[in-house]
């Protein structure tokens, strides 16, 4: 279910066979051109399929004759929808966000709204620029829906084109335990300080002020 299609083609851009109902646009397919020039297994960059509009990665292999000459190519596309299924099964906190996007800011996969956002652009803002610049790390900012989140991101593909996987967790959820611990620590410090002042005042009253008053 995670494959988008399959085809076998010759070197003249003629489709010899393919998956039912799919007519790949190999004449304008960059991956086909890359396959024709290769003599080994080829993995494409993450991109949007020209046929389905889905985020895919294409994998292919040149077909060789008995003399080792390339006479055709075979190719299959893998759908990135499995990222969305992965997010659904990972028990992320409510209002969390998973995004896969490339250096052109095109969204290749998105959870929880893939139908609406796949193929759209990431906003050209500080958050997106920070992710593309660092390629790995954490940052904070407003997501596509305006919710403030803490984002962790890593590169999925280290080819010529940058592709990032990022997961954002609402800031109030991410920092909730830290904030609660901070409040507890502040309360403890305040109580300790009050107790220390009270004890110091009592000691000063009995050991210093009282003898002076007696004198």
N, C-alpha and C. Protein backbone atom coordinates (compact mmCIF):
# COMPACT_ATOMS: atom_id res chain seq x y z
N UNK A 1 0.80 -1.23 0.00
CA UNK A 1 0.00 0.00 0.00
C UNK A 1 0.83 1.28 0.00
N UNK A 2 2.12 1.16 0.28
CA UNK A 2 2.97 2.35 0.34
C UNK A 2 3.69 2.61 -0.97
N UNK A 3 3.39 1.82 -2.02
CA UNK A 3 3.96 2.07 -3.33
C UNK A 3 2.97 2.87 -4.18
N UNK A 4 3.49 3.86 -4.90
CA UNK A 4 2.62 4.70 -5.73
C UNK A 4 2.53 4.19 -7.16
N UNK A 5 3.49 3.41 -7.61
CA UNK A 5 3.44 2.92 -8.98
C UNK A 5 4.72 2.22 -9.37
N UNK A 6 4.68 1.64 -10.58
CA UNK A 6 5.80 0.88 -11.09
C UNK A 6 5.81 1.01 -12.61
N UNK A 7 7.00 1.07 -13.19
CA UNK A 7 7.05 1.05 -14.66
C UNK A 7 8.37 0.46 -15.15
N UNK A 8 8.32 -0.03 -16.39
CA UNK A 8 9.49 -0.48 -17.12
C UNK A 8 9.51 0.29 -18.43
N UNK A 9 10.64 0.91 -18.76
CA UNK A 9 10.72 1.74 -19.96
C UNK A 9 12.04 1.50 -20.67
N UNK A 10 12.05 1.79 -21.99
CA UNK A 10 13.30 1.67 -22.73
C UNK A 10 14.05 3.00 -22.70
N UNK A 11 15.13 3.09 -23.46
CA UNK A 11 15.96 4.29 -23.42
C UNK A 11 15.42 5.42 -24.29
N UNK A 12 14.35 5.15 -25.01
CA UNK A 12 13.74 6.18 -25.87
C UNK A 12 12.47 6.75 -25.26
N UNK A 13 12.35 6.61 -23.95
CA UNK A 13 11.22 7.16 -23.20
C UNK A 13 9.90 6.50 -23.58
N UNK A 14 9.97 5.24 -24.00
CA UNK A 14 8.77 4.48 -24.30
C UNK A 14 8.41 3.59 -23.12
N UNK A 15 7.17 3.68 -22.67
CA UNK A 15 6.71 2.87 -21.56
C UNK A 15 6.41 1.45 -22.06
N UNK A 16 7.08 0.46 -21.49
CA UNK A 16 6.88 -0.94 -21.90
C UNK A 16 5.81 -1.61 -21.05
N UNK A 17 5.78 -1.32 -19.76
CA UNK A 17 4.71 -1.80 -18.89
C UNK A 17 4.72 -0.98 -17.61
N UNK A 18 3.61 -1.05 -16.90
CA UNK A 18 3.50 -0.27 -15.67
C UNK A 18 2.33 -0.73 -14.85
N UNK A 19 2.17 -0.14 -13.67
CA UNK A 19 1.07 -0.52 -12.79
C UNK A 19 -0.25 -0.07 -13.41
N UNK A 20 -1.32 -0.84 -13.24
CA UNK A 20 -2.62 -0.51 -13.85
C UNK A 20 -3.12 0.87 -13.45
N UNK A 21 -3.62 1.59 -14.44
CA UNK A 21 -4.21 2.90 -14.17
C UNK A 21 -3.23 4.03 -14.04
N UNK A 22 -1.94 3.72 -14.11
CA UNK A 22 -0.92 4.74 -13.96
C UNK A 22 -0.14 4.89 -15.27
N UNK A 23 -0.06 6.09 -15.78
CA UNK A 23 0.75 6.37 -16.97
C UNK A 23 1.83 7.36 -16.54
N UNK A 24 2.99 6.89 -16.13
CA UNK A 24 4.03 7.79 -15.64
C UNK A 24 4.52 8.76 -16.72
N UNK A 25 4.79 9.97 -16.31
CA UNK A 25 5.26 10.99 -17.24
C UNK A 25 6.78 10.92 -17.33
N UNK A 26 7.27 9.83 -17.90
CA UNK A 26 8.71 9.62 -17.89
C UNK A 26 9.46 10.60 -18.78
N UNK A 27 8.76 11.21 -19.76
CA UNK A 27 9.44 12.14 -20.66
C UNK A 27 9.90 13.39 -19.92
N UNK A 28 9.25 13.70 -18.81
CA UNK A 28 9.63 14.89 -18.03
C UNK A 28 10.08 14.51 -16.63
N UNK A 29 10.35 13.22 -16.40
CA UNK A 29 10.71 12.75 -15.07
C UNK A 29 12.22 12.84 -14.85
N UNK A 30 12.68 13.64 -13.91
CA UNK A 30 14.12 13.76 -13.65
C UNK A 30 14.72 12.42 -13.21
N UNK A 31 13.95 11.62 -12.49
CA UNK A 31 14.48 10.35 -12.02
C UNK A 31 14.72 9.39 -13.19
N UNK A 32 13.84 9.42 -14.20
CA UNK A 32 14.04 8.58 -15.39
C UNK A 32 15.37 8.95 -16.07
N UNK A 33 15.61 10.25 -16.22
CA UNK A 33 16.85 10.71 -16.85
C UNK A 33 18.06 10.26 -16.03
N UNK A 34 17.95 10.28 -14.72
CA UNK A 34 19.04 9.84 -13.86
C UNK A 34 19.27 8.34 -13.99
N UNK A 35 18.18 7.59 -14.13
CA UNK A 35 18.29 6.14 -14.29
C UNK A 35 19.00 5.78 -15.60
N UNK A 36 18.63 6.46 -16.67
CA UNK A 36 19.21 6.17 -17.99
C UNK A 36 20.72 6.36 -17.97
N UNK A 37 21.19 7.33 -17.21
CA UNK A 37 22.61 7.63 -17.18
C UNK A 37 23.37 6.77 -16.18
N UNK A 38 22.64 5.99 -15.38
CA UNK A 38 23.28 5.21 -14.33
C UNK A 38 23.53 3.77 -14.78
N UNK A 39 24.41 3.11 -14.07
CA UNK A 39 24.65 1.68 -14.28
C UNK A 39 24.45 0.92 -12.98
N UNK A 40 23.79 1.55 -12.02
CA UNK A 40 23.60 0.92 -10.72
C UNK A 40 22.29 1.39 -10.11
N UNK A 41 21.98 0.87 -8.94
CA UNK A 41 20.77 1.23 -8.21
C UNK A 41 20.73 2.73 -7.92
N UNK A 42 19.55 3.34 -8.10
CA UNK A 42 19.42 4.79 -7.93
C UNK A 42 18.26 5.10 -7.00
N UNK A 43 18.51 5.99 -6.05
CA UNK A 43 17.47 6.49 -5.15
C UNK A 43 17.31 7.98 -5.41
N UNK A 44 16.09 8.41 -5.66
CA UNK A 44 15.86 9.82 -5.97
C UNK A 44 15.80 10.64 -4.69
N UNK A 45 15.82 11.96 -4.85
CA UNK A 45 15.48 12.84 -3.74
C UNK A 45 13.99 12.71 -3.45
N UNK A 46 13.59 13.12 -2.27
CA UNK A 46 12.17 13.18 -1.97
C UNK A 46 11.54 14.26 -2.84
N UNK A 47 10.38 13.95 -3.42
CA UNK A 47 9.74 14.91 -4.31
C UNK A 47 8.26 14.61 -4.41
N UNK A 48 7.53 15.49 -5.08
CA UNK A 48 6.11 15.26 -5.33
C UNK A 48 5.94 14.54 -6.65
N UNK A 49 5.23 13.41 -6.63
CA UNK A 49 5.02 12.62 -7.84
C UNK A 49 4.22 13.43 -8.86
N UNK A 50 4.65 13.42 -10.12
CA UNK A 50 3.95 14.15 -11.17
C UNK A 50 2.57 13.57 -11.45
N UNK A 51 2.39 12.29 -11.15
CA UNK A 51 1.10 11.64 -11.44
C UNK A 51 0.09 11.82 -10.31
N UNK A 52 0.55 11.58 -9.07
CA UNK A 52 -0.38 11.56 -7.94
C UNK A 52 -0.34 12.82 -7.09
N UNK A 53 0.74 13.58 -7.19
CA UNK A 53 0.87 14.75 -6.33
C UNK A 53 1.30 14.40 -4.92
N UNK A 54 1.57 13.12 -4.66
CA UNK A 54 1.97 12.68 -3.33
C UNK A 54 3.48 12.82 -3.16
N UNK A 55 3.91 12.98 -1.91
CA UNK A 55 5.33 12.99 -1.62
C UNK A 55 5.89 11.58 -1.74
N UNK A 56 6.91 11.40 -2.56
CA UNK A 56 7.44 10.06 -2.82
C UNK A 56 8.96 10.08 -2.86
N UNK A 57 9.51 8.89 -2.80
CA UNK A 57 10.91 8.67 -3.14
C UNK A 57 10.90 7.59 -4.20
N UNK A 58 11.63 7.77 -5.28
CA UNK A 58 11.66 6.81 -6.37
C UNK A 58 12.92 5.96 -6.28
N UNK A 59 12.77 4.66 -6.52
CA UNK A 59 13.91 3.75 -6.52
C UNK A 59 13.92 3.01 -7.85
N UNK A 60 15.08 2.88 -8.47
CA UNK A 60 15.14 2.26 -9.79
C UNK A 60 16.44 1.57 -10.07
N UNK A 61 16.43 0.83 -11.16
CA UNK A 61 17.62 0.08 -11.54
C UNK A 61 17.68 -0.02 -13.05
N UNK A 62 18.84 0.14 -13.65
CA UNK A 62 18.95 -0.01 -15.10
C UNK A 62 18.83 -1.49 -15.49
N UNK A 63 18.20 -1.73 -16.64
CA UNK A 63 18.08 -3.09 -17.18
C UNK A 63 19.22 -3.30 -18.18
N UNK A 64 20.00 -4.36 -17.96
CA UNK A 64 21.19 -4.60 -18.78
C UNK A 64 20.98 -5.81 -19.69
N UNK A 65 21.61 -5.77 -20.85
CA UNK A 65 21.58 -6.94 -21.74
C UNK A 65 22.72 -7.89 -21.38
N UNK A 66 22.91 -8.92 -22.20
CA UNK A 66 23.93 -9.92 -21.90
C UNK A 66 25.35 -9.35 -21.94
N UNK A 67 25.51 -8.26 -22.68
CA UNK A 67 26.84 -7.62 -22.76
C UNK A 67 27.04 -6.55 -21.69
N UNK A 68 26.06 -6.38 -20.84
CA UNK A 68 26.18 -5.39 -19.78
C UNK A 68 25.80 -3.99 -20.20
N UNK A 69 25.19 -3.83 -21.38
CA UNK A 69 24.77 -2.52 -21.85
C UNK A 69 23.36 -2.22 -21.33
N UNK A 70 23.14 -0.96 -20.99
CA UNK A 70 21.83 -0.54 -20.50
C UNK A 70 20.84 -0.50 -21.67
N UNK A 71 19.74 -1.22 -21.52
CA UNK A 71 18.71 -1.24 -22.58
C UNK A 71 17.37 -0.72 -22.08
N UNK A 72 17.27 -0.44 -20.79
CA UNK A 72 16.02 0.07 -20.23
C UNK A 72 16.17 0.35 -18.75
N UNK A 73 15.07 0.77 -18.14
CA UNK A 73 15.09 1.07 -16.71
C UNK A 73 13.80 0.56 -16.08
N UNK A 74 13.90 0.16 -14.82
CA UNK A 74 12.73 -0.24 -14.04
C UNK A 74 12.69 0.65 -12.81
N UNK A 75 11.49 1.08 -12.45
CA UNK A 75 11.36 2.08 -11.39
C UNK A 75 10.10 1.86 -10.56
N UNK A 76 10.18 2.16 -9.27
CA UNK A 76 9.01 2.10 -8.39
C UNK A 76 9.03 3.32 -7.48
N UNK A 77 7.85 3.80 -7.12
CA UNK A 77 7.74 4.95 -6.22
C UNK A 77 7.21 4.51 -4.86
N UNK A 78 7.81 5.03 -3.80
CA UNK A 78 7.38 4.73 -2.44
C UNK A 78 6.69 5.95 -1.87
N UNK A 79 5.46 5.77 -1.39
CA UNK A 79 4.65 6.86 -0.86
C UNK A 79 5.14 7.24 0.54
N UNK A 80 5.12 8.55 0.82
CA UNK A 80 5.52 9.02 2.14
C UNK A 80 4.37 9.01 3.14
N UNK A 81 3.22 8.46 2.74
CA UNK A 81 2.09 8.42 3.68
C UNK A 81 2.42 7.64 4.94
N UNK A 82 3.40 6.77 4.86
CA UNK A 82 3.72 5.97 6.04
C UNK A 82 4.23 6.84 7.18
N UNK A 83 4.72 8.06 6.85
CA UNK A 83 5.08 8.98 7.92
C UNK A 83 3.85 9.35 8.75
N UNK A 84 2.72 9.57 8.04
CA UNK A 84 1.49 9.91 8.74
C UNK A 84 1.01 8.75 9.60
N UNK A 85 1.11 7.52 9.06
CA UNK A 85 0.73 6.35 9.85
C UNK A 85 1.66 6.19 11.05
N UNK A 86 2.93 6.47 10.84
CA UNK A 86 3.89 6.39 11.93
C UNK A 86 3.52 7.37 13.04
N UNK A 87 3.13 8.59 12.65
CA UNK A 87 2.73 9.59 13.64
C UNK A 87 1.47 9.17 14.39
N UNK A 88 0.53 8.57 13.66
CA UNK A 88 -0.70 8.13 14.29
C UNK A 88 -0.45 7.06 15.34
N UNK A 89 0.56 6.23 15.11
CA UNK A 89 0.84 5.12 16.01
C UNK A 89 1.85 5.47 17.10
N UNK A 90 2.39 6.68 17.08
CA UNK A 90 3.46 7.02 18.01
C UNK A 90 2.96 7.69 19.28
N UNK A 91 1.64 7.85 19.42
CA UNK A 91 1.05 8.43 20.63
C UNK A 91 1.64 9.80 20.97
N UNK A 92 1.77 10.65 19.95
CA UNK A 92 2.24 12.01 20.19
C UNK A 92 1.20 12.77 21.02
N UNK A 93 1.62 13.73 21.83
CA UNK A 93 0.66 14.53 22.60
C UNK A 93 -0.33 15.25 21.69
N UNK A 94 -1.46 15.60 22.22
CA UNK A 94 -2.47 16.31 21.45
C UNK A 94 -1.90 17.60 20.87
N UNK A 95 -2.34 17.94 19.65
CA UNK A 95 -1.90 19.15 18.94
C UNK A 95 -0.44 19.10 18.51
N UNK A 96 0.15 17.91 18.48
CA UNK A 96 1.51 17.78 17.96
C UNK A 96 1.47 17.79 16.43
N UNK A 97 2.63 18.01 15.82
CA UNK A 97 2.70 18.16 14.37
C UNK A 97 3.94 17.45 13.84
N UNK A 98 3.77 16.68 12.77
CA UNK A 98 4.89 16.04 12.08
C UNK A 98 4.92 16.56 10.65
N UNK A 99 6.09 17.02 10.22
CA UNK A 99 6.22 17.60 8.88
C UNK A 99 7.48 17.06 8.22
N UNK A 100 7.37 16.69 6.95
CA UNK A 100 8.53 16.40 6.11
C UNK A 100 8.51 17.43 4.98
N UNK A 101 9.59 18.20 4.83
CA UNK A 101 9.64 19.20 3.77
C UNK A 101 11.05 19.31 3.23
N UNK A 102 11.14 19.79 1.98
CA UNK A 102 12.46 19.88 1.35
C UNK A 102 12.99 21.30 1.36
N UNK A 103 14.15 21.49 0.72
CA UNK A 103 14.80 22.80 0.77
C UNK A 103 14.02 23.88 0.02
N UNK A 104 13.09 23.45 -0.84
CA UNK A 104 12.23 24.41 -1.52
C UNK A 104 11.00 24.76 -0.70
N UNK A 105 10.98 24.27 0.54
CA UNK A 105 9.90 24.50 1.51
C UNK A 105 8.59 23.79 1.12
N UNK A 106 8.66 22.82 0.20
CA UNK A 106 7.47 22.06 -0.18
C UNK A 106 7.21 20.97 0.85
N UNK A 107 5.99 20.92 1.35
CA UNK A 107 5.62 19.91 2.35
C UNK A 107 5.35 18.59 1.64
N UNK A 108 6.12 17.56 2.00
CA UNK A 108 5.99 16.24 1.39
C UNK A 108 5.12 15.30 2.21
N UNK A 109 5.08 15.50 3.49
CA UNK A 109 4.21 14.71 4.37
C UNK A 109 3.84 15.57 5.56
N UNK A 110 2.63 15.35 6.07
CA UNK A 110 2.18 16.15 7.21
C UNK A 110 1.18 15.36 8.04
N UNK A 111 1.31 15.49 9.33
CA UNK A 111 0.34 14.93 10.27
C UNK A 111 -0.01 16.06 11.24
N UNK A 112 -1.31 16.34 11.43
CA UNK A 112 -2.45 15.48 11.16
C UNK A 112 -3.28 15.84 9.92
N UNK A 113 -2.84 16.74 9.05
CA UNK A 113 -3.68 17.18 7.92
C UNK A 113 -2.98 16.97 6.58
N UNK A 114 -2.67 15.72 6.20
CA UNK A 114 -1.94 15.51 4.94
C UNK A 114 -2.74 15.94 3.71
N UNK A 115 -4.06 15.73 3.70
CA UNK A 115 -4.86 16.06 2.52
C UNK A 115 -4.83 17.55 2.22
N UNK A 116 -4.75 18.36 3.25
CA UNK A 116 -4.80 19.81 3.07
C UNK A 116 -3.43 20.42 2.82
N UNK A 117 -2.38 19.83 3.38
CA UNK A 117 -1.10 20.53 3.40
C UNK A 117 0.00 19.92 2.54
N UNK A 118 -0.10 18.65 2.16
CA UNK A 118 0.93 18.08 1.29
C UNK A 118 0.92 18.80 -0.06
N UNK A 119 2.07 19.28 -0.48
CA UNK A 119 2.19 20.06 -1.70
C UNK A 119 2.18 21.55 -1.46
N UNK A 120 1.76 21.96 -0.26
CA UNK A 120 1.78 23.38 0.09
C UNK A 120 3.21 23.78 0.51
N UNK A 121 3.40 25.05 0.80
CA UNK A 121 4.72 25.54 1.17
C UNK A 121 4.79 25.85 2.66
N UNK A 122 5.94 25.55 3.24
CA UNK A 122 6.23 26.02 4.59
C UNK A 122 6.36 27.54 4.54
N UNK A 123 5.93 28.23 5.58
CA UNK A 123 6.06 29.69 5.58
C UNK A 123 7.52 30.12 5.52
N UNK A 124 7.77 31.18 4.81
CA UNK A 124 9.12 31.71 4.69
C UNK A 124 9.41 32.62 5.88
N UNK A 125 9.64 31.99 7.04
CA UNK A 125 9.82 32.76 8.27
C UNK A 125 11.07 32.29 9.01
N UNK A 126 11.29 32.85 10.19
CA UNK A 126 12.49 32.54 10.97
C UNK A 126 12.54 31.07 11.36
N UNK A 127 11.39 30.48 11.69
CA UNK A 127 11.35 29.09 12.12
C UNK A 127 11.84 28.16 11.01
N UNK A 128 11.28 28.31 9.81
CA UNK A 128 11.67 27.47 8.68
C UNK A 128 13.14 27.69 8.31
N UNK A 129 13.55 28.95 8.27
CA UNK A 129 14.94 29.27 7.93
C UNK A 129 15.91 28.65 8.94
N UNK A 130 15.53 28.66 10.21
CA UNK A 130 16.39 28.10 11.25
C UNK A 130 16.55 26.60 11.06
N UNK A 131 15.47 25.92 10.69
CA UNK A 131 15.55 24.47 10.47
C UNK A 131 16.45 24.14 9.28
N UNK A 132 16.25 24.84 8.16
CA UNK A 132 17.03 24.57 6.96
C UNK A 132 18.50 24.94 7.14
N UNK A 133 18.77 25.92 7.98
CA UNK A 133 20.14 26.35 8.22
C UNK A 133 20.87 25.36 9.12
N UNK A 134 20.21 24.92 10.21
CA UNK A 134 20.87 24.04 11.17
C UNK A 134 20.83 22.58 10.74
N UNK A 135 19.74 22.16 10.08
CA UNK A 135 19.53 20.80 9.60
C UNK A 135 19.30 19.78 10.72
N UNK A 136 19.73 20.06 11.91
CA UNK A 136 19.48 19.15 13.02
C UNK A 136 19.53 19.92 14.32
N UNK A 137 18.54 19.69 15.19
CA UNK A 137 18.51 20.39 16.46
C UNK A 137 17.09 20.63 16.94
N UNK A 138 16.92 21.68 17.70
CA UNK A 138 15.61 22.06 18.21
C UNK A 138 15.41 23.56 18.06
N UNK A 139 14.18 23.97 17.95
CA UNK A 139 13.84 25.38 17.88
C UNK A 139 12.40 25.55 18.33
N UNK A 140 11.98 26.76 18.50
CA UNK A 140 10.63 27.02 18.99
C UNK A 140 9.98 28.10 18.14
N UNK A 141 8.67 27.96 17.92
CA UNK A 141 7.94 28.95 17.15
C UNK A 141 6.53 28.49 16.88
N UNK A 142 5.79 29.33 16.15
CA UNK A 142 4.40 29.03 15.81
C UNK A 142 4.35 28.10 14.61
N UNK A 143 3.53 27.04 14.70
CA UNK A 143 3.38 26.09 13.62
C UNK A 143 2.46 26.61 12.53
N UNK A 144 2.11 25.73 11.59
CA UNK A 144 1.26 26.13 10.47
C UNK A 144 -0.12 26.54 10.93
N UNK A 145 -0.54 26.06 12.09
CA UNK A 145 -1.86 26.42 12.63
C UNK A 145 -1.79 27.50 13.68
N UNK A 146 -0.61 28.10 13.86
CA UNK A 146 -0.44 29.18 14.82
C UNK A 146 -0.15 28.74 16.24
N UNK A 147 -0.15 27.44 16.50
CA UNK A 147 0.14 26.93 17.85
C UNK A 147 1.65 27.00 18.11
N UNK A 148 2.02 27.54 19.25
CA UNK A 148 3.43 27.64 19.61
C UNK A 148 3.94 26.28 20.04
N UNK A 149 5.02 25.82 19.39
CA UNK A 149 5.53 24.48 19.65
C UNK A 149 7.05 24.49 19.82
N UNK A 150 7.52 23.42 20.45
CA UNK A 150 8.95 23.13 20.49
C UNK A 150 9.19 22.08 19.41
N UNK A 151 10.06 22.39 18.43
CA UNK A 151 10.31 21.51 17.30
C UNK A 151 11.69 20.85 17.41
N UNK A 152 11.71 19.55 17.15
CA UNK A 152 12.97 18.82 16.99
C UNK A 152 13.02 18.36 15.54
N UNK A 153 14.18 18.49 14.89
CA UNK A 153 14.25 18.17 13.46
C UNK A 153 15.58 17.51 13.13
N UNK A 154 15.52 16.60 12.14
CA UNK A 154 16.70 15.87 11.67
C UNK A 154 16.62 15.74 10.15
N UNK A 155 17.75 15.61 9.47
CA UNK A 155 17.72 15.43 8.01
C UNK A 155 17.33 13.99 7.67
N UNK A 156 16.49 13.84 6.64
CA UNK A 156 16.13 12.52 6.14
C UNK A 156 17.00 12.14 4.96
N UNK A 157 17.50 13.13 4.27
CA UNK A 157 18.24 12.87 3.04
C UNK A 157 19.41 13.83 2.98
N UNK A 158 20.59 13.31 2.79
CA UNK A 158 21.79 14.15 2.78
C UNK A 158 22.36 14.30 1.36
N UNK A 159 21.47 14.22 0.37
CA UNK A 159 21.89 14.44 -1.01
C UNK A 159 21.99 15.92 -1.31
N UNK A 160 21.91 16.24 -2.59
CA UNK A 160 22.02 17.64 -2.98
C UNK A 160 20.85 18.45 -2.45
N UNK A 161 19.67 17.81 -2.37
CA UNK A 161 18.50 18.50 -1.85
C UNK A 161 18.30 18.16 -0.38
N UNK A 162 18.06 19.18 0.40
CA UNK A 162 17.83 18.97 1.82
C UNK A 162 16.38 18.55 2.06
N UNK A 163 16.20 17.54 2.90
CA UNK A 163 14.87 17.10 3.30
C UNK A 163 14.88 16.90 4.81
N UNK A 164 13.92 17.51 5.47
CA UNK A 164 13.88 17.49 6.93
C UNK A 164 12.64 16.78 7.45
N UNK A 165 12.81 16.04 8.52
CA UNK A 165 11.69 15.51 9.30
C UNK A 165 11.68 16.28 10.61
N UNK A 166 10.54 16.88 10.93
CA UNK A 166 10.43 17.65 12.16
C UNK A 166 9.17 17.27 12.90
N UNK A 167 9.28 17.20 14.21
CA UNK A 167 8.14 16.92 15.08
C UNK A 167 8.02 18.06 16.07
N UNK A 168 6.82 18.65 16.14
CA UNK A 168 6.58 19.75 17.05
C UNK A 168 5.60 19.36 18.14
N UNK A 169 5.96 19.66 19.37
CA UNK A 169 5.11 19.38 20.52
C UNK A 169 4.73 20.72 21.15
N UNK A 170 3.42 20.93 21.46
CA UNK A 170 3.01 22.20 22.04
C UNK A 170 3.89 22.59 23.22
N UNK A 171 4.26 23.86 23.26
CA UNK A 171 5.20 24.33 24.28
C UNK A 171 4.69 24.08 25.69
N UNK A 172 3.37 24.26 25.90
CA UNK A 172 2.85 24.07 27.24
C UNK A 172 2.96 22.61 27.68
N UNK A 173 2.94 21.69 26.70
CA UNK A 173 3.12 20.28 27.01
C UNK A 173 4.61 19.97 27.21
N UNK A 174 5.44 20.49 26.30
CA UNK A 174 6.88 20.20 26.36
C UNK A 174 7.51 20.76 27.63
N UNK A 175 7.08 21.98 28.00
CA UNK A 175 7.69 22.62 29.15
C UNK A 175 6.87 22.45 30.42
N UNK A 176 5.73 21.75 30.33
CA UNK A 176 4.86 21.57 31.50
C UNK A 176 5.58 21.02 32.71
N UNK A 177 6.24 19.85 32.59
CA UNK A 177 6.95 19.30 33.75
C UNK A 177 8.03 20.23 34.29
N UNK A 178 8.74 20.91 33.36
CA UNK A 178 9.80 21.84 33.80
C UNK A 178 9.19 23.00 34.57
N UNK A 179 8.07 23.55 34.04
CA UNK A 179 7.43 24.66 34.73
C UNK A 179 6.92 24.25 36.11
N UNK A 180 6.33 23.05 36.18
CA UNK A 180 5.84 22.58 37.48
C UNK A 180 6.99 22.40 38.46
N UNK A 181 8.10 21.83 37.99
CA UNK A 181 9.26 21.64 38.87
C UNK A 181 9.83 23.00 39.30
N UNK A 182 9.83 23.97 38.36
CA UNK A 182 10.33 25.30 38.70
C UNK A 182 9.48 25.95 39.78
N UNK A 183 8.16 25.84 39.63
CA UNK A 183 7.25 26.41 40.63
C UNK A 183 7.46 25.75 41.99
N UNK A 184 7.62 24.43 41.97
CA UNK A 184 7.87 23.71 43.22
C UNK A 184 9.17 24.17 43.87
N UNK A 185 10.22 24.32 43.05
CA UNK A 185 11.50 24.76 43.59
C UNK A 185 11.43 26.17 44.15
N UNK A 186 10.71 27.05 43.42
CA UNK A 186 10.56 28.43 43.91
C UNK A 186 9.80 28.45 45.23
N UNK A 187 8.76 27.62 45.32
CA UNK A 187 7.98 27.56 46.56
C UNK A 187 8.85 27.04 47.71
N UNK A 188 9.68 26.04 47.40
CA UNK A 188 10.58 25.50 48.43
C UNK A 188 11.60 26.54 48.87
N UNK A 189 12.16 27.28 47.89
CA UNK A 189 13.13 28.33 48.22
C UNK A 189 12.48 29.42 49.06
N UNK A 190 11.24 29.81 48.67
CA UNK A 190 10.54 30.85 49.43
C UNK A 190 10.28 30.39 50.86
N UNK A 191 9.83 29.13 51.02
CA UNK A 191 9.56 28.62 52.36
C UNK A 191 10.84 28.54 53.19
N UNK A 192 11.92 28.05 52.53
CA UNK A 192 13.20 27.92 53.23
C UNK A 192 13.72 29.29 53.66
N UNK A 193 13.59 30.27 52.74
CA UNK A 193 14.04 31.62 53.06
C UNK A 193 13.24 32.21 54.21
N UNK A 194 11.92 32.03 54.18
CA UNK A 194 11.06 32.53 55.25
C UNK A 194 11.43 31.88 56.58
N UNK A 195 11.64 30.55 56.54
CA UNK A 195 11.99 29.84 57.76
C UNK A 195 13.34 30.32 58.30
N UNK A 196 14.32 30.52 57.39
CA UNK A 196 15.64 30.98 57.82
C UNK A 196 15.56 32.36 58.44
N UNK A 197 14.76 33.27 57.83
CA UNK A 197 14.60 34.61 58.39
C UNK A 197 13.93 34.55 59.75
N UNK A 198 12.91 33.69 59.86
CA UNK A 198 12.19 33.56 61.13
C UNK A 198 13.11 33.04 62.23
N UNK A 199 13.92 32.03 61.86
CA UNK A 199 14.85 31.47 62.84
C UNK A 199 15.90 32.49 63.24
N UNK A 200 16.43 33.21 62.24
CA UNK A 200 17.45 34.23 62.53
C UNK A 200 16.87 35.33 63.41
N UNK A 201 15.61 35.72 63.10
CA UNK A 201 14.99 36.77 63.91
C UNK A 201 14.81 36.29 65.35
N UNK A 202 14.39 35.02 65.51
CA UNK A 202 14.17 34.48 66.84
C UNK A 202 15.47 34.36 67.60
N UNK A 203 16.53 33.87 66.94
CA UNK A 203 17.83 33.76 67.59
C UNK A 203 18.36 35.14 67.98
N UNK A 204 18.19 36.11 67.07
CA UNK A 204 18.65 37.47 67.39
C UNK A 204 17.89 38.05 68.56
N UNK A 205 16.60 37.75 68.65
CA UNK A 205 15.76 38.27 69.75
C UNK A 205 16.23 37.71 71.08
N UNK A 206 16.51 36.37 71.10
CA UNK A 206 16.85 35.74 72.38
C UNK A 206 18.30 35.93 72.78
N UNK A 207 19.22 35.96 71.79
CA UNK A 207 20.64 35.99 72.14
C UNK A 207 21.25 37.38 72.06
N UNK A 208 20.57 38.34 71.46
CA UNK A 208 21.17 39.66 71.31
C UNK A 208 20.28 40.77 71.87
N UNK A 209 19.06 40.87 71.38
CA UNK A 209 18.19 41.96 71.82
C UNK A 209 17.76 41.79 73.27
N UNK A 210 17.42 40.58 73.69
CA UNK A 210 16.96 40.40 75.06
C UNK A 210 18.03 40.75 76.09
N UNK A 211 19.32 40.28 75.91
CA UNK A 211 20.35 40.71 76.88
C UNK A 211 20.53 42.22 76.91
N UNK A 212 20.45 42.87 75.76
CA UNK A 212 20.61 44.33 75.72
C UNK A 212 19.50 45.00 76.51
N UNK A 213 18.27 44.50 76.33
CA UNK A 213 17.13 45.08 77.05
C UNK A 213 17.30 44.90 78.55
N UNK A 214 17.82 43.71 78.94
CA UNK A 214 18.05 43.47 80.38
C UNK A 214 19.08 44.44 80.93
N UNK A 215 20.18 44.62 80.17
CA UNK A 215 21.22 45.55 80.59
C UNK A 215 20.66 46.97 80.69
